[in-house]
N, C-alpha and C. Protein backbone atom coordinates (compact mmCIF):
# COMPACT_ATOMS: atom_id res chain seq x y z
N MET A 1 -4.31 -6.75 40.52
CA MET A 1 -4.87 -7.82 39.78
C MET A 1 -5.56 -6.02 39.21
N ALA A 2 -5.53 -5.09 39.36
CA ALA A 2 -6.18 -4.13 38.52
C ALA A 2 -5.52 -3.86 37.62
N ASP A 3 -3.61 -3.92 38.16
CA ASP A 3 -2.40 -3.24 37.27
C ASP A 3 -2.53 -5.04 35.72
N GLU A 4 -3.44 -5.88 36.22
CA GLU A 4 -2.94 -6.50 35.07
C GLU A 4 -3.83 -6.68 34.44
N LEU A 5 -5.18 -6.20 34.57
CA LEU A 5 -6.13 -5.30 33.90
C LEU A 5 -6.31 -4.45 32.83
N GLU A 6 -5.36 -3.52 33.81
CA GLU A 6 -4.76 -2.30 32.83
C GLU A 6 -4.18 -2.64 31.92
N ARG A 7 -3.15 -3.06 32.80
CA ARG A 7 -2.37 -3.76 31.21
C ARG A 7 -2.51 -3.84 29.51
N ARG A 8 -3.09 -4.76 30.16
CA ARG A 8 -3.86 -5.58 29.12
C ARG A 8 -4.65 -4.77 28.28
N TRP A 9 -5.41 -4.05 29.03
CA TRP A 9 -6.33 -3.28 28.09
C TRP A 9 -5.50 -2.37 27.54
N LEU A 10 -4.81 -1.62 28.37
CA LEU A 10 -3.72 -0.94 27.38
C LEU A 10 -3.28 -1.43 25.81
N TYR A 11 -2.36 -3.52 26.18
CA TYR A 11 -2.10 -3.37 25.47
C TYR A 11 -3.09 -3.66 23.86
N GLU A 12 -4.01 -3.67 24.25
CA GLU A 12 -5.36 -4.05 23.25
C GLU A 12 -6.12 -2.77 22.09
N ILE A 13 -5.12 -1.75 23.58
CA ILE A 13 -5.74 -0.47 22.43
C ILE A 13 -5.12 -0.17 21.30
N GLU A 14 -3.14 -0.10 21.62
CA GLU A 14 -2.58 -0.39 21.20
C GLU A 14 -2.39 -1.45 19.95
N SER A 15 -2.32 -2.39 19.68
CA SER A 15 -2.26 -3.66 19.06
C SER A 15 -3.52 -3.45 17.99
N SER A 16 -4.76 -2.70 18.39
CA SER A 16 -5.22 -2.56 17.62
C SER A 16 -5.17 -1.41 16.73
N PHE A 17 -4.60 -0.55 16.60
CA PHE A 17 -4.12 1.42 17.03
C PHE A 17 -4.03 0.65 14.69
N VAL A 18 -5.10 1.38 14.15
CA VAL A 18 -4.48 1.77 13.08
C VAL A 18 -4.59 2.78 12.37
N PRO A 19 -3.03 2.75 11.79
CA PRO A 19 -2.98 4.25 11.14
C PRO A 19 -4.30 4.77 9.99
N LEU A 20 -4.42 6.28 10.22
CA LEU A 20 -5.31 7.15 9.50
C LEU A 20 -5.12 6.75 8.20
N ASP A 21 -5.97 6.18 7.52
CA ASP A 21 -5.95 5.79 5.88
C ASP A 21 -5.78 7.24 4.71
N ARG A 22 -5.23 7.16 4.66
CA ARG A 22 -4.45 8.61 3.39
C ARG A 22 -6.23 9.43 2.96
N THR A 23 -7.32 7.85 1.81
CA THR A 23 -8.09 8.18 1.45
C THR A 23 -8.94 9.24 2.60
N LEU A 24 -8.81 9.11 3.83
CA LEU A 24 -9.99 9.76 4.74
C LEU A 24 -9.28 10.78 5.46
N ALA A 25 -8.03 10.94 5.13
CA ALA A 25 -7.74 11.93 5.40
C ALA A 25 -7.78 12.88 4.35
N GLU A 26 -7.43 13.07 2.98
CA GLU A 26 -8.12 13.86 2.00
C GLU A 26 -9.76 14.11 1.97
N LEU A 27 -10.54 13.17 2.52
CA LEU A 27 -11.74 12.90 2.43
C LEU A 27 -11.73 14.77 3.57
N LEU A 28 -11.21 14.09 4.56
CA LEU A 28 -12.03 15.14 6.06
C LEU A 28 -11.16 16.27 4.78
N GLY A 29 -9.99 16.75 4.34
CA GLY A 29 -9.05 18.17 4.40
C GLY A 29 -11.18 18.94 3.35
N LYS A 30 -12.03 17.79 2.64
CA LYS A 30 -12.15 18.60 1.57
C LYS A 30 -13.23 19.04 2.59
N PHE A 31 -13.83 19.33 3.59
CA PHE A 31 -15.06 19.99 4.54
C PHE A 31 -14.49 20.91 4.84
N THR A 32 -14.40 22.28 4.17
CA THR A 32 -13.52 23.45 3.91
C THR A 32 -15.02 24.30 4.94
N HIS A 33 -16.63 23.71 4.77
CA HIS A 33 -17.61 24.96 5.54
C HIS A 33 -18.16 24.09 6.58
N THR A 34 -17.48 23.17 7.18
CA THR A 34 -17.80 22.47 8.54
C THR A 34 -17.42 21.69 8.90
N PRO A 35 -17.08 21.50 10.44
CA PRO A 35 -16.56 21.09 11.26
C PRO A 35 -16.60 19.46 10.89
N ALA A 36 -15.87 18.65 10.67
CA ALA A 36 -15.81 17.46 10.80
C ALA A 36 -14.59 16.83 11.73
N ILE A 37 -14.82 16.29 12.26
CA ILE A 37 -13.89 14.65 13.17
C ILE A 37 -13.68 13.11 12.51
N LEU A 38 -12.96 12.70 12.26
CA LEU A 38 -12.95 10.95 12.47
C LEU A 38 -13.13 10.80 13.63
N ILE A 39 -13.31 9.63 14.06
CA ILE A 39 -13.62 9.05 15.81
C ILE A 39 -13.66 7.49 14.91
N ASP A 40 -12.58 6.68 16.03
CA ASP A 40 -13.16 5.39 16.16
C ASP A 40 -13.84 4.69 17.06
N GLU A 41 -14.01 3.17 16.27
CA GLU A 41 -15.27 2.76 17.42
C GLU A 41 -15.48 3.19 18.56
N ILE A 42 -14.40 3.28 19.65
CA ILE A 42 -14.49 3.42 21.00
C ILE A 42 -14.71 5.39 21.55
N GLY A 43 -14.56 5.95 20.10
CA GLY A 43 -14.71 7.19 20.48
C GLY A 43 -13.64 8.12 20.05
N ASN A 44 -13.02 7.38 20.26
CA ASN A 44 -11.02 8.07 19.83
C ASN A 44 -11.25 8.80 18.84
N VAL A 45 -10.60 10.48 18.69
CA VAL A 45 -10.31 11.08 17.90
C VAL A 45 -9.37 11.00 16.80
N MET A 46 -8.98 10.59 15.69
CA MET A 46 -8.84 10.31 15.11
C MET A 46 -8.10 11.05 13.88
N ALA A 47 -8.65 12.17 13.44
CA ALA A 47 -8.65 13.64 13.01
C ALA A 47 -9.57 14.36 13.07
N SER A 48 -9.03 16.04 12.70
CA SER A 48 -10.22 16.96 12.70
C SER A 48 -9.91 17.91 11.43
N ASN A 49 -10.70 18.60 10.80
CA ASN A 49 -10.80 19.54 10.10
C ASN A 49 -10.07 20.78 10.68
N ALA A 50 -9.84 21.95 9.86
CA ALA A 50 -9.77 23.06 10.68
C ALA A 50 -10.66 23.86 11.48
N LEU A 51 -11.70 23.38 11.09
CA LEU A 51 -12.96 24.31 11.26
C LEU A 51 -13.08 23.31 12.77
N ALA A 52 -13.31 22.41 12.93
CA ALA A 52 -13.32 21.62 14.09
C ALA A 52 -12.30 21.79 15.47
N ASN A 53 -11.22 22.35 14.70
CA ASN A 53 -10.42 22.63 15.71
C ASN A 53 -10.40 23.78 16.31
N GLU A 54 -11.10 24.90 15.45
CA GLU A 54 -11.78 25.82 16.49
C GLU A 54 -12.37 26.01 17.11
N LEU A 55 -13.76 24.94 16.70
CA LEU A 55 -14.93 24.55 17.71
C LEU A 55 -14.64 24.01 18.69
N PHE A 56 -13.54 23.18 18.84
CA PHE A 56 -13.43 22.52 20.07
C PHE A 56 -11.68 23.48 20.76
N ALA A 57 -10.97 24.18 20.36
CA ALA A 57 -10.25 25.46 20.54
C ALA A 57 -10.36 25.40 21.77
N GLU A 58 -11.39 25.69 23.06
CA GLU A 58 -11.64 25.91 24.14
C GLU A 58 -11.31 24.60 25.53
N PHE A 59 -11.03 23.01 24.55
CA PHE A 59 -11.67 22.08 24.79
C PHE A 59 -9.74 21.80 25.06
N THR A 60 -9.76 20.81 26.91
CA THR A 60 -7.97 21.01 26.96
C THR A 60 -8.10 19.35 26.55
N ILE A 61 -9.03 18.58 26.96
CA ILE A 61 -9.77 16.92 26.95
C ILE A 61 -10.24 16.76 25.32
N ARG A 62 -8.87 16.49 24.17
CA ARG A 62 -9.33 16.32 23.09
C ARG A 62 -9.20 14.87 21.86
N ASP A 63 -9.37 14.04 23.10
CA ASP A 63 -8.67 12.92 22.17
C ASP A 63 -9.57 11.67 22.15
N ASN A 64 -10.70 11.97 23.04
CA ASN A 64 -11.78 11.33 22.97
C ASN A 64 -12.88 12.05 23.11
N VAL A 65 -13.95 11.77 22.07
CA VAL A 65 -15.17 11.93 22.73
C VAL A 65 -16.00 12.17 23.60
N SER A 66 -16.14 10.96 24.40
CA SER A 66 -16.92 10.89 25.37
C SER A 66 -16.63 11.40 26.84
N ARG A 67 -15.14 11.32 26.54
CA ARG A 67 -14.05 12.56 27.97
C ARG A 67 -13.96 13.84 27.42
N MET A 68 -14.44 14.22 25.72
CA MET A 68 -14.36 15.50 25.93
C MET A 68 -16.07 16.62 26.64
N VAL A 69 -16.63 15.28 26.46
CA VAL A 69 -18.35 16.18 26.47
C VAL A 69 -18.16 16.10 27.98
N PHE A 70 -17.92 14.61 29.19
CA PHE A 70 -18.37 14.26 30.08
C PHE A 70 -16.70 15.12 30.72
N LEU A 71 -15.95 15.11 30.51
CA LEU A 71 -15.11 15.19 31.87
C LEU A 71 -14.26 16.70 31.72
N ASP A 72 -14.56 17.24 30.10
CA ASP A 72 -14.07 18.45 30.37
C ASP A 72 -14.74 20.09 30.20
N ALA A 73 -14.43 20.96 31.35
CA ALA A 73 -15.35 21.89 31.82
C ALA A 73 -15.43 22.84 30.71
N ALA A 74 -14.81 23.06 29.01
CA ALA A 74 -15.15 23.65 28.56
C ALA A 74 -16.67 22.60 27.90
N ALA A 75 -16.92 21.82 27.93
CA ALA A 75 -18.31 21.28 27.06
C ALA A 75 -19.06 21.83 28.37
N ARG A 76 -19.00 21.66 29.65
CA ARG A 76 -19.91 22.17 30.44
C ARG A 76 -20.89 23.83 30.22
N ARG A 77 -19.95 24.28 30.25
CA ARG A 77 -20.33 25.84 29.72
C ARG A 77 -20.69 25.95 28.36
N SER A 78 -20.10 25.22 26.92
CA SER A 78 -21.08 25.06 26.25
C SER A 78 -22.50 24.50 26.57
N HIS A 79 -22.32 23.43 27.13
CA HIS A 79 -23.69 23.07 27.52
C HIS A 79 -24.82 23.79 28.33
N HIS A 80 -24.38 24.34 28.77
CA HIS A 80 -25.14 25.29 30.24
C HIS A 80 -25.75 26.49 28.83
N HIS A 81 -25.31 27.05 28.50
CA HIS A 81 -25.15 28.46 27.43
C HIS A 81 -26.78 27.41 26.21
N SER A 82 -26.05 26.44 25.95
CA SER A 82 -27.68 26.66 25.01
C SER A 82 -28.05 25.41 25.04
N ARG A 83 -28.87 25.63 26.35
CA ARG A 83 -29.85 25.01 26.92
C ARG A 83 -31.14 25.01 25.79
N ILE A 84 -32.21 24.49 26.13
CA ILE A 84 -33.55 24.94 25.45
C ILE A 84 -34.49 24.50 27.04
N ARG A 85 -35.44 25.96 26.45
CA ARG A 85 -36.43 25.80 27.42
C ARG A 85 -37.55 24.64 26.49
N ARG A 86 -37.68 24.06 27.67
CA ARG A 86 -38.54 23.10 27.06
C ARG A 86 -40.36 23.42 27.89
N PRO A 87 -41.18 23.20 26.97
CA PRO A 87 -42.52 23.44 27.59
C PRO A 87 -42.87 22.80 28.81
N TYR A 88 -42.22 21.22 28.78
CA TYR A 88 -42.76 20.82 30.00
C TYR A 88 -42.17 21.09 31.58
């Protein structure tokens, strides 16, 4: 049963794939002073600019924002170093 569900899920993902629009790719290239990524409705990274590539260079998982945040060790290290002390 699980194999059938997995197969259908993968088919839905593949059949819903839309190539990156050229206009969006060009727009992304114009962000030269800030990291920028384009993601789809489920968090898949569709494209990124050079600064975003540098920002996420330590990440081994770079295909999905949720996977990056929750599964990649680089995210845990980055979050640990950026914690802000709260007054409570």
